[in-house]
Amino acid sequence: MLGLSLGQLVAGPLSDVHGRRKPLLISMLFYFVISIACAFSPNISMFIVLRFIQGFVASAGLVISRAIVRDRYSGVEMVKFMALLTMISNVAPLISPTAGSAVTTFTSWIGVFIFLGFLGLILTGITTWGIKESLHAEQRVPSNFREVLRNYGSLLRDRSFMGYALVNGILFISSMLPSRSVLFELLVPQTLPIALPCESRQWVMLT
């Protein structure tokens, strides 16, 4: 979650400088590689680091998809597509635990990350052949780190923006947390085992 949130702060400005397609394509390729690396992580420390990176690169899909809609549409059409993206973002966390459980019925946790890796590979193909550049060269902004920080500073001082951002964040968290069994495990640790990958790449059950 931390990687997913921080990554958007980087992917957004990069897409304004280099266009939408290139950063999205690179992030999908990294998502494929990191997902496979998660499946074969030698210990829990490396696993956590890789999961952070996985969320970081996956964030490009969230922010750039909205930027593409903004580039191509305006007015009512833009509102419709933004509403569709918001619905997908809210429904996906509710579906993902069920999909993960379905995968684990015929494989282990390692298979889940291999499945995510191949999903990333499919998304890379869709990006390569199905998405055209929506931000032309003359519309891009120059690379200026200070300008980016200045823009973020102005947004943080904008009460209207921060209000909408806070509401959206609360809605997103409320849709994520109830669907995560780990929350229930943390609340009732004395009755439910928590599984962690150990050095031998087997599951260690902690009670």
Protein backbone atom coordinates (compact mmCIF):
# COMPACT_ATOMS: atom_id res chain seq x y z
CA MET A 1 0.00 0.00 0.00
CA LEU A 2 2.86 2.38 0.80
CA GLY A 3 4.53 1.65 -2.53
CA LEU A 4 1.22 2.03 -4.34
CA SER A 5 0.65 5.48 -2.84
CA LEU A 6 4.19 6.85 -3.16
CA GLY A 7 4.60 5.52 -6.68
CA GLN A 8 1.78 7.70 -7.97
CA LEU A 9 3.71 10.80 -6.92
CA VAL A 10 6.53 9.71 -9.22
CA ALA A 11 4.64 8.11 -12.11
CA GLY A 12 2.38 11.13 -12.60
CA PRO A 13 5.12 13.72 -13.21
CA LEU A 14 7.12 11.24 -15.30
CA SER A 15 4.13 10.75 -17.60
CA ASP A 16 3.82 14.53 -17.99
CA VAL A 17 7.46 14.72 -19.11
CA HIS A 18 7.89 11.55 -21.18
CA GLY A 19 4.33 10.88 -22.31
CA ARG A 20 1.85 8.29 -21.08
CA ARG A 21 2.80 5.19 -23.03
CA LYS A 22 6.51 4.85 -22.24
CA PRO A 23 6.29 5.08 -18.41
CA LEU A 24 3.26 2.77 -18.42
CA LEU A 25 5.06 0.19 -20.56
CA ILE A 26 8.19 0.27 -18.41
CA SER A 27 6.16 -0.06 -15.21
CA MET A 28 4.29 -3.09 -16.55
CA LEU A 29 7.57 -4.77 -17.49
CA PHE A 30 8.94 -4.12 -14.01
CA TYR A 31 5.72 -5.43 -12.50
CA PHE A 32 6.22 -8.72 -14.36
CA VAL A 33 9.84 -9.05 -13.19
CA ILE A 34 9.15 -8.06 -9.57
CA SER A 35 6.14 -10.39 -9.28
CA ILE A 36 8.27 -13.35 -10.37
CA ALA A 37 11.01 -12.23 -7.98
CA CYS A 38 8.44 -12.19 -5.12
CA ALA A 39 7.65 -15.83 -5.81
CA PHE A 40 11.29 -16.80 -5.29
CA SER A 41 12.28 -14.39 -2.53
CA PRO A 42 14.75 -16.13 -0.16
CA ASN A 43 13.49 -14.54 3.08
CA ILE A 44 10.75 -12.37 4.53
CA SER A 45 12.87 -9.18 4.49
CA MET A 46 13.50 -9.44 0.76
CA PHE A 47 9.85 -10.36 0.24
CA ILE A 48 8.67 -7.16 1.95
CA VAL A 49 11.09 -5.02 -0.10
CA LEU A 50 9.94 -6.65 -3.34
CA ARG A 51 6.30 -6.16 -2.40
CA PHE A 52 6.97 -2.46 -1.82
CA ILE A 53 8.57 -2.21 -5.28
CA GLN A 54 5.70 -4.18 -6.79
CA GLY A 55 3.20 -1.68 -5.43
CA PHE A 56 5.42 1.22 -6.49
CA VAL A 57 5.52 0.18 -10.17
CA ALA A 58 1.87 -0.93 -10.19
CA SER A 59 0.83 2.59 -9.18
CA ALA A 60 1.61 3.81 -12.71
CA GLY A 61 -1.49 2.02 -13.96
CA LEU A 62 -3.68 3.94 -11.52
CA VAL A 63 -2.41 7.43 -12.20
CA ILE A 64 -1.57 7.17 -15.91
CA SER A 65 -4.93 5.63 -16.82
CA ARG A 66 -6.63 8.72 -15.41
CA ALA A 67 -4.18 10.98 -17.20
CA ILE A 68 -4.98 9.27 -20.51
CA VAL A 69 -8.69 9.88 -19.94
CA ARG A 70 -7.97 13.54 -19.21
CA ASP A 71 -5.92 13.80 -22.42
CA ARG A 72 -8.57 12.29 -24.69
CA TYR A 73 -11.85 13.45 -23.22
CA SER A 74 -13.45 16.49 -21.63
CA GLY A 75 -16.75 17.50 -20.10
CA VAL A 76 -19.40 14.81 -19.66
CA GLU A 77 -17.37 12.15 -21.47
CA MET A 78 -14.44 12.63 -19.11
CA VAL A 79 -16.72 12.38 -16.08
CA LYS A 80 -18.16 9.10 -17.41
CA PHE A 81 -14.74 7.53 -17.93
CA MET A 82 -13.45 8.78 -14.58
CA ALA A 83 -16.47 7.25 -12.88
CA LEU A 84 -15.76 3.96 -14.66
CA LEU A 85 -12.12 3.97 -13.52
CA THR A 86 -13.19 4.79 -9.96
CA MET A 87 -15.66 1.91 -9.97
CA ILE A 88 -12.99 -0.50 -11.22
CA SER A 89 -10.54 0.74 -8.56
CA ASN A 90 -13.12 0.16 -5.82
CA VAL A 91 -14.39 -3.20 -7.05
CA ALA A 92 -10.96 -4.73 -7.75
CA PRO A 93 -9.93 -4.94 -4.05
CA LEU A 94 -13.18 -6.76 -3.29
CA ILE A 95 -12.67 -9.31 -6.06
CA SER A 96 -8.94 -9.90 -5.60
CA PRO A 97 -9.18 -12.00 -2.36
CA THR A 98 -11.66 -14.34 -4.06
CA ALA A 99 -9.43 -14.61 -7.12
CA GLY A 100 -6.42 -15.26 -4.90
CA SER A 101 -8.29 -17.99 -3.04
CA ALA A 102 -9.21 -19.60 -6.34
CA VAL A 103 -5.55 -19.66 -7.39
CA THR A 104 -4.43 -21.15 -4.07
CA THR A 105 -6.86 -24.07 -4.47
CA PHE A 106 -4.48 -25.63 -6.99
CA THR A 107 -1.14 -24.02 -6.09
CA SER A 108 0.81 -22.43 -3.23
CA TRP A 109 1.50 -18.78 -2.44
CA ILE A 110 4.39 -18.97 -4.91
CA GLY A 111 1.91 -19.72 -7.69
CA VAL A 112 -0.07 -16.59 -6.81
CA PHE A 113 2.89 -14.36 -7.60
CA ILE A 114 3.74 -16.30 -10.73
CA PHE A 115 0.12 -15.74 -11.81
CA LEU A 116 0.51 -12.01 -11.10
CA GLY A 117 3.70 -12.01 -13.13
CA PHE A 118 1.98 -13.47 -16.16
CA LEU A 119 -0.88 -11.02 -15.65
CA GLY A 120 1.71 -8.24 -15.79
CA LEU A 121 3.06 -9.75 -19.00
CA ILE A 122 -0.44 -9.67 -20.52
CA LEU A 123 -0.84 -6.05 -19.45
CA THR A 124 2.51 -5.27 -21.08
CA GLY A 125 1.20 -6.71 -24.34
CA ILE A 126 -2.02 -4.71 -24.06
CA THR A 127 0.01 -1.54 -23.44
CA THR A 128 2.32 -2.28 -26.37
CA TRP A 129 -0.30 -3.02 -29.00
CA GLY A 130 -3.51 -1.52 -27.60
CA ILE A 131 -2.61 1.87 -26.17
CA LYS A 132 -1.52 4.81 -28.30
CA GLU A 133 0.28 7.86 -26.99
CA SER A 134 -2.26 10.44 -25.82
CA LEU A 135 0.12 13.21 -24.78
CA HIS A 136 1.92 14.59 -27.82
CA ALA A 137 5.42 16.05 -27.58
CA GLU A 138 4.27 19.66 -27.80
CA GLN A 139 1.92 19.14 -24.83
CA ARG A 140 4.56 17.71 -22.49
CA VAL A 141 6.15 19.68 -19.70
CA PRO A 142 9.93 20.14 -19.29
CA SER A 143 11.74 18.08 -16.70
CA ASN A 144 12.08 20.35 -13.67
CA PHE A 145 12.21 18.80 -10.19
CA ARG A 146 11.77 22.12 -8.43
CA GLU A 147 8.69 22.87 -10.48
CA VAL A 148 7.22 19.50 -9.53
CA LEU A 149 7.80 20.21 -5.83
CA ARG A 150 6.28 23.68 -6.25
CA ASN A 151 3.18 22.18 -7.89
CA TYR A 152 2.77 19.65 -5.09
CA GLY A 153 3.15 22.45 -2.56
CA SER A 154 0.36 24.45 -4.19
CA LEU A 155 -1.89 21.39 -4.17
CA LEU A 156 -1.24 20.75 -0.48
CA ARG A 157 -2.31 24.33 0.25
CA ASP A 158 -5.51 23.99 -1.78
CA ARG A 159 -8.28 23.18 0.70
CA SER A 160 -10.74 22.05 -1.96
CA PHE A 161 -8.25 19.61 -3.48
CA MET A 162 -7.15 18.25 -0.09
CA GLY A 163 -10.77 17.78 0.94
CA TYR A 164 -11.59 15.72 -2.14
CA ALA A 165 -8.31 13.81 -1.82
CA LEU A 166 -9.03 12.98 1.82
CA VAL A 167 -12.53 11.72 1.06
CA ASN A 168 -11.24 9.63 -1.84
CA GLY A 169 -8.50 8.19 0.35
CA ILE A 170 -10.95 7.23 3.10
CA LEU A 171 -13.23 5.55 0.57
CA PHE A 172 -10.32 3.62 -0.92
CA ILE A 173 -9.07 2.44 2.48
CA SER A 174 -12.57 1.41 3.53
CA SER A 175 -12.85 -0.74 0.40
CA MET A 176 -9.43 -2.32 0.96
CA LEU A 177 -9.28 -3.17 4.66
CA PRO A 178 -12.45 -5.26 5.11
CA SER A 179 -11.39 -7.54 2.25
CA ARG A 180 -8.03 -8.37 3.81
CA SER A 181 -8.07 -11.42 6.04
CA VAL A 182 -4.76 -10.29 7.55
CA LEU A 183 -6.63 -7.51 9.38
CA PHE A 184 -8.78 -10.10 11.12
CA GLU A 185 -5.69 -12.18 11.86
CA LEU A 186 -4.00 -9.21 13.48
CA LEU A 187 -7.09 -8.48 15.57
CA VAL A 188 -7.37 -12.08 16.78
CA PRO A 189 -3.77 -13.40 16.74
CA GLN A 190 -4.35 -15.93 19.50
CA THR A 191 -6.86 -17.97 17.49
CA LEU A 192 -5.75 -17.62 13.86
CA PRO A 193 -2.32 -18.65 12.54
CA ILE A 194 -0.31 -16.21 10.45
CA ALA A 195 1.80 -17.68 7.66
CA LEU A 196 5.15 -16.21 6.67
CA PRO A 197 7.74 -17.41 4.14
CA CYS A 198 10.99 -18.46 5.80
CA GLU A 199 14.54 -19.12 4.58
CA SER A 200 13.67 -22.52 3.10
CA ARG A 201 10.76 -21.00 1.12
CA GLN A 202 8.24 -22.99 3.15
CA TRP A 203 5.45 -21.49 5.22
CA VAL A 204 6.10 -20.85 8.92
CA MET A 205 2.88 -20.86 10.92
CA LEU A 206 2.88 -18.41 13.84
CA THR A 207 0.19 -18.61 16.49
